[in-house]
Structure formats: C-alpha cells, structure tokens
Amino acid sequence: MDWILLWSLNAKVFHPDYLVYSQQNISVGHVYRSELADVGLDVVAARFGMTLSQVVEMNFNLAGAAFLPKGQRMCVVPNSCKGMKQTIYS
C-alpha cells in the first residue's frame, strides 16, 4: 500500500504529512460484508482485484474458511485496475 491509498482511506486526515500521530486510528481498508454468492475468499479476492494471500493477510481470522456466511465482515482494499468489471450484482 502506498501513502496515497492510505490517505484516501482516511477522509478525516486533511494533509498527508499529518497522517499518523499518537492515539490516532487509521483505516487500512474498507469493511465488506459477504453476500450469498461469495462462496469463498478466492471469489471475494477476484471481485476486488486482490490476491488470495492479500485477503488472508487482511483477515487472518478467516484463513482456511471453506464457506463464508452471508454478512461476514472482512477488510478489503479494492484494486480498481484488477477487480472484476461485472459481477452477479451488476
């Protein structure tokens, strides 16, 4: 992740030079809730243009999950250049 992406994920930070200070919470991704069609982490990874290992790194509690229940919260960092143009929802 580069500084521009990190800055864009944190709208309350008005200038990138003041990105991190003591006791500050910053976002490193977006919270996504799984849908019925998200049968596995690989499907979610493909949708958002991430690798499976990136999804697992961001969501260590889901590593090895064979099934994602609807509404499962997970952290994703979409890559608009590699993500899916169309999904079953479009």
N, C-alpha and C. Protein backbone atom coordinates (compact mmCIF):
# COMPACT_ATOMS: atom_id res chain seq x y z
N MET A 1 0.85 -1.17 0.00
CA MET A 1 0.00 0.00 0.00
C MET A 1 0.90 1.24 0.00
N ASP A 2 0.55 2.19 -0.84
CA ASP A 2 1.32 3.43 -0.85
C ASP A 2 0.61 4.50 -0.04
N TRP A 3 1.26 5.63 0.16
CA TRP A 3 0.72 6.68 1.02
C TRP A 3 -0.55 7.30 0.45
N ILE A 4 -0.67 7.36 -0.87
CA ILE A 4 -1.86 7.96 -1.48
C ILE A 4 -3.10 7.12 -1.17
N LEU A 5 -2.97 5.80 -1.28
CA LEU A 5 -4.10 4.93 -0.95
C LEU A 5 -4.44 5.02 0.54
N LEU A 6 -3.43 5.01 1.38
CA LEU A 6 -3.66 5.12 2.82
C LEU A 6 -4.35 6.45 3.15
N TRP A 7 -3.92 7.51 2.53
CA TRP A 7 -4.53 8.82 2.75
C TRP A 7 -5.98 8.84 2.27
N SER A 8 -6.24 8.24 1.10
CA SER A 8 -7.60 8.23 0.56
C SER A 8 -8.56 7.40 1.41
N LEU A 9 -8.05 6.44 2.15
CA LEU A 9 -8.89 5.63 3.03
C LEU A 9 -9.22 6.34 4.34
N ASN A 10 -8.64 7.49 4.56
CA ASN A 10 -8.82 8.22 5.82
C ASN A 10 -9.23 9.66 5.53
N ALA A 11 -10.52 9.85 5.26
CA ALA A 11 -11.05 11.15 4.85
C ALA A 11 -10.87 12.24 5.91
N LYS A 12 -10.74 11.86 7.17
CA LYS A 12 -10.59 12.87 8.22
C LYS A 12 -9.17 13.41 8.32
N VAL A 13 -8.25 12.83 7.58
CA VAL A 13 -6.88 13.33 7.55
C VAL A 13 -6.80 14.34 6.41
N PHE A 14 -6.59 15.60 6.75
CA PHE A 14 -6.66 16.67 5.76
C PHE A 14 -5.37 16.87 4.97
N HIS A 15 -4.26 16.40 5.50
CA HIS A 15 -2.97 16.57 4.82
C HIS A 15 -2.13 15.33 5.08
N PRO A 16 -1.49 14.77 4.05
CA PRO A 16 -0.74 13.52 4.24
C PRO A 16 0.46 13.63 5.17
N ASP A 17 0.99 14.83 5.35
CA ASP A 17 2.12 14.99 6.27
C ASP A 17 1.70 14.81 7.72
N TYR A 18 0.39 14.88 7.99
CA TYR A 18 -0.12 14.73 9.35
C TYR A 18 -0.93 13.45 9.47
N LEU A 19 -0.49 12.41 8.80
CA LEU A 19 -1.25 11.18 8.71
C LEU A 19 -1.33 10.43 10.03
N VAL A 20 -0.24 10.28 10.72
CA VAL A 20 -0.25 9.46 11.93
C VAL A 20 0.32 10.24 13.11
N TYR A 21 -0.43 10.23 14.19
CA TYR A 21 0.05 10.80 15.44
C TYR A 21 -0.39 9.87 16.56
N SER A 22 0.07 10.09 17.72
CA SER A 22 -0.21 9.23 18.86
C SER A 22 -1.71 9.10 19.11
N GLN A 23 -2.18 7.89 19.35
CA GLN A 23 -3.57 7.56 19.67
C GLN A 23 -4.54 7.74 18.50
N GLN A 24 -4.03 7.89 17.29
CA GLN A 24 -4.90 8.06 16.12
C GLN A 24 -5.27 6.70 15.53
N ASN A 25 -6.53 6.53 15.19
CA ASN A 25 -6.97 5.33 14.49
C ASN A 25 -7.02 5.64 13.00
N ILE A 26 -6.42 4.75 12.20
CA ILE A 26 -6.46 4.93 10.76
C ILE A 26 -7.05 3.68 10.12
N SER A 27 -7.66 3.87 8.97
CA SER A 27 -8.22 2.75 8.22
C SER A 27 -7.19 2.26 7.21
N VAL A 28 -7.09 0.95 7.10
CA VAL A 28 -6.18 0.36 6.11
C VAL A 28 -6.95 -0.38 5.03
N GLY A 29 -8.27 -0.29 5.05
CA GLY A 29 -9.10 -0.94 4.05
C GLY A 29 -10.56 -0.58 4.27
N HIS A 30 -11.41 -1.17 3.45
CA HIS A 30 -12.85 -0.97 3.57
C HIS A 30 -13.47 -2.22 4.19
N VAL A 31 -14.50 -2.03 4.99
CA VAL A 31 -15.22 -3.17 5.55
C VAL A 31 -16.24 -3.63 4.50
N TYR A 32 -16.19 -4.90 4.18
CA TYR A 32 -17.10 -5.50 3.22
C TYR A 32 -17.88 -6.61 3.92
N ARG A 33 -19.15 -6.70 3.64
CA ARG A 33 -19.99 -7.78 4.19
C ARG A 33 -20.28 -8.75 3.05
N SER A 34 -19.99 -10.01 3.26
CA SER A 34 -20.16 -11.01 2.21
C SER A 34 -21.63 -11.21 1.84
N GLU A 35 -21.84 -11.62 0.62
CA GLU A 35 -23.17 -11.92 0.09
C GLU A 35 -23.27 -13.42 -0.14
N LEU A 36 -24.43 -13.90 -0.50
CA LEU A 36 -24.64 -15.34 -0.72
C LEU A 36 -23.72 -15.90 -1.79
N ALA A 37 -23.44 -15.10 -2.82
CA ALA A 37 -22.61 -15.59 -3.93
C ALA A 37 -21.13 -15.66 -3.57
N ASP A 38 -20.73 -15.09 -2.46
CA ASP A 38 -19.33 -15.12 -2.02
C ASP A 38 -19.06 -16.45 -1.32
N VAL A 39 -18.84 -17.47 -2.11
CA VAL A 39 -18.70 -18.82 -1.53
C VAL A 39 -17.33 -19.05 -0.91
N GLY A 40 -16.38 -18.20 -1.20
CA GLY A 40 -15.06 -18.37 -0.62
C GLY A 40 -14.24 -17.10 -0.73
N LEU A 41 -13.12 -17.08 -0.04
CA LEU A 41 -12.25 -15.90 -0.07
C LEU A 41 -11.69 -15.64 -1.46
N ASP A 42 -11.51 -16.71 -2.26
CA ASP A 42 -10.99 -16.52 -3.61
C ASP A 42 -11.96 -15.74 -4.48
N VAL A 43 -13.26 -15.92 -4.28
CA VAL A 43 -14.28 -15.18 -5.03
C VAL A 43 -14.23 -13.70 -4.64
N VAL A 44 -14.10 -13.44 -3.36
CA VAL A 44 -14.01 -12.06 -2.88
C VAL A 44 -12.72 -11.41 -3.41
N ALA A 45 -11.63 -12.14 -3.38
CA ALA A 45 -10.35 -11.62 -3.88
C ALA A 45 -10.46 -11.24 -5.35
N ALA A 46 -11.06 -12.09 -6.16
CA ALA A 46 -11.21 -11.80 -7.59
C ALA A 46 -12.08 -10.58 -7.81
N ARG A 47 -13.15 -10.46 -7.06
CA ARG A 47 -14.05 -9.32 -7.22
C ARG A 47 -13.34 -8.00 -6.98
N PHE A 48 -12.51 -7.95 -5.95
CA PHE A 48 -11.87 -6.70 -5.58
C PHE A 48 -10.47 -6.52 -6.16
N GLY A 49 -10.02 -7.45 -6.99
CA GLY A 49 -8.71 -7.32 -7.61
C GLY A 49 -7.55 -7.56 -6.67
N MET A 50 -7.80 -8.35 -5.65
CA MET A 50 -6.76 -8.69 -4.67
C MET A 50 -6.32 -10.13 -4.90
N THR A 51 -5.17 -10.49 -4.36
CA THR A 51 -4.77 -11.89 -4.37
C THR A 51 -5.38 -12.55 -3.14
N LEU A 52 -5.46 -13.85 -3.18
CA LEU A 52 -5.99 -14.59 -2.03
C LEU A 52 -5.12 -14.33 -0.80
N SER A 53 -3.81 -14.29 -0.99
CA SER A 53 -2.92 -14.06 0.16
C SER A 53 -3.13 -12.66 0.76
N GLN A 54 -3.46 -11.66 -0.07
CA GLN A 54 -3.74 -10.33 0.46
C GLN A 54 -5.01 -10.34 1.31
N VAL A 55 -6.03 -11.04 0.85
CA VAL A 55 -7.29 -11.12 1.61
C VAL A 55 -7.03 -11.82 2.95
N VAL A 56 -6.27 -12.89 2.93
CA VAL A 56 -5.97 -13.63 4.17
C VAL A 56 -5.14 -12.76 5.12
N GLU A 57 -4.17 -12.00 4.58
CA GLU A 57 -3.37 -11.11 5.43
C GLU A 57 -4.23 -10.07 6.13
N MET A 58 -5.23 -9.56 5.43
CA MET A 58 -6.11 -8.54 5.99
C MET A 58 -7.16 -9.14 6.93
N ASN A 59 -7.40 -10.45 6.80
CA ASN A 59 -8.46 -11.12 7.56
C ASN A 59 -7.97 -12.46 8.09
N PHE A 60 -6.98 -12.42 8.96
CA PHE A 60 -6.35 -13.65 9.45
C PHE A 60 -7.34 -14.59 10.11
N ASN A 61 -8.42 -14.05 10.64
CA ASN A 61 -9.43 -14.89 11.30
C ASN A 61 -10.22 -15.74 10.31
N LEU A 62 -10.14 -15.43 9.02
CA LEU A 62 -10.87 -16.19 8.01
C LEU A 62 -9.98 -17.16 7.23
N ALA A 63 -8.71 -17.24 7.57
CA ALA A 63 -7.79 -18.13 6.85
C ALA A 63 -8.29 -19.56 6.90
N GLY A 64 -8.38 -20.18 5.75
CA GLY A 64 -8.81 -21.57 5.66
C GLY A 64 -10.31 -21.76 5.71
N ALA A 65 -11.06 -20.66 5.71
CA ALA A 65 -12.52 -20.78 5.75
C ALA A 65 -13.03 -21.38 4.44
N ALA A 66 -13.76 -22.47 4.54
CA ALA A 66 -14.30 -23.14 3.36
C ALA A 66 -15.59 -22.49 2.89
N PHE A 67 -16.24 -21.76 3.78
CA PHE A 67 -17.53 -21.17 3.47
C PHE A 67 -17.63 -19.81 4.17
N LEU A 68 -18.18 -18.83 3.47
CA LEU A 68 -18.41 -17.52 4.07
C LEU A 68 -19.90 -17.33 4.28
N PRO A 69 -20.35 -17.19 5.50
CA PRO A 69 -21.77 -16.95 5.72
C PRO A 69 -22.14 -15.55 5.24
N LYS A 70 -23.37 -15.37 4.82
CA LYS A 70 -23.84 -14.06 4.38
C LYS A 70 -23.69 -13.08 5.53
N GLY A 71 -23.14 -11.91 5.22
CA GLY A 71 -22.96 -10.87 6.23
C GLY A 71 -21.62 -10.93 6.94
N GLN A 72 -20.74 -11.87 6.58
CA GLN A 72 -19.42 -11.96 7.21
C GLN A 72 -18.64 -10.68 6.92
N ARG A 73 -18.21 -10.02 7.97
CA ARG A 73 -17.44 -8.78 7.79
C ARG A 73 -15.98 -9.12 7.53
N MET A 74 -15.41 -8.39 6.56
CA MET A 74 -14.00 -8.57 6.25
C MET A 74 -13.43 -7.26 5.73
N CYS A 75 -12.13 -7.13 5.81
CA CYS A 75 -11.44 -5.95 5.35
C CYS A 75 -10.91 -6.20 3.95
N VAL A 76 -11.18 -5.28 3.02
CA VAL A 76 -10.68 -5.39 1.65
C VAL A 76 -10.06 -4.06 1.23
N VAL A 77 -9.11 -4.14 0.30
CA VAL A 77 -8.52 -2.96 -0.32
C VAL A 77 -8.70 -3.14 -1.82
N PRO A 78 -9.78 -2.57 -2.38
CA PRO A 78 -10.06 -2.77 -3.80
C PRO A 78 -8.96 -2.23 -4.70
N ASN A 79 -8.68 -2.97 -5.75
CA ASN A 79 -7.74 -2.55 -6.79
C ASN A 79 -8.57 -2.35 -8.05
N SER A 80 -8.87 -1.11 -8.38
CA SER A 80 -9.77 -0.83 -9.49
C SER A 80 -9.20 -1.24 -10.84
N CYS A 81 -7.91 -1.44 -10.93
CA CYS A 81 -7.30 -1.86 -12.20
C CYS A 81 -7.41 -3.37 -12.42
N LYS A 82 -7.52 -4.14 -11.35
CA LYS A 82 -7.54 -5.59 -11.47
C LYS A 82 -8.86 -6.23 -11.06
N GLY A 83 -9.75 -5.47 -10.46
CA GLY A 83 -11.03 -6.01 -9.99
C GLY A 83 -11.94 -6.38 -11.14
N MET A 84 -13.01 -7.07 -10.82
CA MET A 84 -13.97 -7.52 -11.83
C MET A 84 -14.78 -6.35 -12.37
N LYS A 85 -14.93 -6.31 -13.68
CA LYS A 85 -15.74 -5.26 -14.32
C LYS A 85 -17.21 -5.47 -14.00
N GLN A 86 -17.64 -6.71 -14.06
CA GLN A 86 -19.03 -7.04 -13.76
C GLN A 86 -19.07 -8.21 -12.80
N THR A 87 -20.06 -8.18 -11.92
CA THR A 87 -20.28 -9.29 -11.01
C THR A 87 -21.74 -9.70 -11.15
N ILE A 88 -22.15 -10.66 -10.39
CA ILE A 88 -23.56 -11.07 -10.47
C ILE A 88 -24.49 -9.98 -9.96
N TYR A 89 -23.92 -8.97 -9.27
CA TYR A 89 -24.73 -7.89 -8.72
C TYR A 89 -24.88 -6.73 -9.68
N SER A 90 -24.10 -6.71 -10.78
CA SER A 90 -24.17 -5.56 -11.70
C SER A 90 -25.12 -5.82 -12.84
